[in-house]
Amino acid sequence: MESEFFFAGAIVDSWVESARSADAGALLVMQVAPRGHPKDLVIVEAEVSLVSDRVWLEDLSENLCHGSPVPALGSTPPAFSL
């Protein structure tokens, strides 16, 4: 059974993947180093349409947001204990 978890960390890398199917949107993918566990990178995925700040999305695609703090809520727990 999956449970939700929350963590905060810093963006290490990011990219946008094309839609995987005709009915899906593009996917924003970020590698995040969780606070207190910087060596345990977590992959965070979200549909690009969920990002309302287009300027931030453009900065992210140009790697200008790397190192920026980011909170995340997910349903598959990371490998480390919070």
Protein backbone atom coordinates (compact mmCIF):
# COMPACT_ATOMS: atom_id res chain seq x y z
CA MET A 1 0.00 0.00 0.00
CA GLU A 2 1.40 3.37 -1.00
CA SER A 3 1.28 6.31 1.34
CA GLU A 4 1.88 9.98 0.65
CA PHE A 5 5.06 11.65 1.84
CA PHE A 6 6.37 15.20 1.76
CA PHE A 7 9.96 16.35 1.49
CA ALA A 8 11.86 19.50 0.66
CA GLY A 9 15.16 19.76 -1.12
CA ALA A 10 17.16 21.49 -3.83
CA ILE A 11 16.93 21.02 -7.60
CA VAL A 12 20.04 19.29 -8.96
CA ASP A 13 18.96 18.68 -12.55
CA SER A 14 15.80 19.11 -14.61
CA TRP A 15 14.39 18.52 -18.06
CA VAL A 16 11.11 18.33 -19.97
CA GLU A 17 10.11 15.05 -21.64
CA SER A 18 7.75 14.92 -24.61
CA ALA A 19 4.31 13.45 -24.14
CA ARG A 20 4.43 9.66 -23.90
CA SER A 21 1.06 9.27 -25.60
CA ALA A 22 -1.37 11.36 -27.62
CA ASP A 23 -3.62 12.02 -24.63
CA ALA A 24 -0.82 12.90 -22.19
CA GLY A 25 0.97 16.21 -21.77
CA ALA A 26 4.69 16.95 -21.60
CA LEU A 27 6.36 15.92 -18.35
CA LEU A 28 8.62 18.04 -16.14
CA VAL A 29 11.28 15.87 -14.50
CA MET A 30 13.53 17.10 -11.69
CA GLN A 31 16.28 15.42 -9.70
CA VAL A 32 15.99 16.75 -6.16
CA ALA A 33 18.51 16.38 -3.34
CA PRO A 34 16.39 16.08 -0.17
CA ARG A 35 17.29 18.35 2.72
CA GLY A 36 19.47 16.38 5.16
CA HIS A 37 20.11 13.64 2.56
CA PRO A 38 21.90 15.45 -0.29
CA LYS A 39 23.40 12.27 -1.76
CA ASP A 40 20.01 10.51 -2.03
CA LEU A 41 18.55 12.03 -5.21
CA VAL A 42 14.80 11.73 -5.73
CA ILE A 43 13.15 11.95 -9.15
CA VAL A 44 10.11 14.24 -9.14
CA GLU A 45 7.76 14.20 -12.14
CA ALA A 46 4.83 16.50 -12.88
CA GLU A 47 2.85 17.45 -15.95
CA VAL A 48 4.16 20.72 -17.37
CA SER A 49 0.58 22.02 -17.42
CA LEU A 50 0.64 22.04 -13.59
CA VAL A 51 3.37 24.71 -13.58
CA SER A 52 1.56 28.03 -13.68
CA ASP A 53 4.71 30.19 -13.62
CA ARG A 54 5.97 30.12 -17.24
CA VAL A 55 8.99 32.32 -16.42
CA TRP A 56 10.11 29.81 -13.76
CA LEU A 57 9.62 26.98 -16.27
CA GLU A 58 11.77 28.81 -18.83
CA ASP A 59 14.46 29.43 -16.19
CA LEU A 60 14.30 25.76 -15.24
CA SER A 61 14.80 24.66 -18.83
CA GLU A 62 17.90 26.89 -19.01
CA ASN A 63 19.27 25.40 -15.75
CA LEU A 64 18.91 28.74 -13.96
CA CYS A 65 16.88 27.15 -11.13
CA HIS A 66 19.38 24.48 -10.16
CA GLY A 67 20.05 24.75 -6.43
CA SER A 68 16.63 26.32 -5.85
CA PRO A 69 14.53 24.94 -3.01
CA VAL A 70 11.51 22.84 -3.95
CA PRO A 71 8.85 21.07 -1.87
CA ALA A 72 7.39 17.80 -3.19
CA LEU A 73 4.49 15.55 -2.29
CA GLY A 74 4.54 11.99 -3.58
CA SER A 75 3.07 8.54 -3.28
CA THR A 76 6.19 6.38 -3.50
CA PRO A 77 8.48 6.90 -0.52
CA PRO A 78 12.16 7.67 -1.07
CA ALA A 79 14.78 5.08 -0.10
CA PHE A 80 15.90 7.08 2.95
CA SER A 81 14.14 7.62 6.26
CA LEU A 82 12.91 11.09 7.09
